[in-house]
Amino acid sequence: MKKKSTRLRKLLKSGDLVFTIQVGTAHQAQLAEKAGFELVGVSGSSTSVQIFGLPDAGFVTMTELVENVERICHAVSIPVTVDCDTGFGNAINVRRTVESVIHAGAAGLFIEDQVAPKRCGFVKGKEVISLEEAVGKFRAAIDVRNELDPDFIIMARTDVRGVAGGSVDEVIRRGRAYLDAGVDIFYAEALQSRDEIRQVRNALKDCLLRVTTNAIKPPLTEEEYKELGLCLPSTHISNVGTIAMYDFLLEFKKRGVAAHEEFRQRAKEHPMGNFGIFDLTGFPKVAEWESKYLSAEKLKQYDSSLGIYDPRTGKDKG
């Protein structure tokens, strides 16, 4: 099987609109792969919120992020990209960050040009470093990429549109400089309109361009993404899960066991209901290994033990 980075490059060259499902946990990445998506992204905000219960304000360390990246990369067979915030230091620190993320199994990453400690791209109060310092960071990232895995994708994100006095002209100036340094994708955060996207696209005609579109109303359609030549549109599935879990908890608090039983009945035939999650995480594979490596005496325990779920047959097959 080709390296995940090689597969990601092939996806980017295909001309298809490839969606990035942003996740914070290995479980969410497995759900995305099960649903048929070809790419997941480790979100900095989702990691901060779901793993540490902290706001996306630069609290997560490089080693904490890499530990989570490694878990996610090992849980799925599809490529994984990583939000590396500001790279966790200057250009010298960026070298170690990129090396660590590559060794963790990722296929690509992006680094943003914010001042550390950074803020979530949707949050006011951001500042950016100088163009010269940012270019140095991206050059360092590219050098490590070339040394360890030439197919690994380096994205350069600019947050300059959202800072005090930020402008589309400065977005374009930084985009040119980052692309000249050798990044694979230019990522523009906080553009405010379709016209601003077109200005950037017209100025940087041949580049792979990624854009955060949350500020644009009405939202872009899929056809507009294609027309504007944008790559890697994304969605944070944690937002969906958080709302669903909170709504259920309110019902459970209000009605108790009845709410739980109603949920169980509604989910009974769902692929993820009634122990479907055990299939998703690989329990049937454990049973295969047991049949291969354990003694006949040990395997007899299955027939004499109790349990609702049998990993030898999986969900609803026993």
Foldseek 3Di string as FASTA:
>chain_A
DDAQLLVVVVVVVPLDFAAEAEAQALLVLLVCVVVPHQEYEDDLQRVCCVVPVHGLQQPDALVSQLVRLLRNQVSDDHAYEYECEQCRDFLVSVLVSLVSNVVSRHNEYEHEQWDPVAHPLVDADIHGDDLVRLLSNLLSNCVSCVVPPVSRAYEYEYSQCRHVVRDLVVLLVSQVSSVVSPHQEYEYEDDAEPVSLLVNCVSVVPGAYAYDQPNYPPGDDPVSCSVSNYHHHYDHCVVVVVVVVVVLVVVCVVPNPVSVVVVLVVCVPPCPHPQNSVVSRPLLVVVVVCVVPPDPVVVCVQVVDDDPADSVQGGPGD
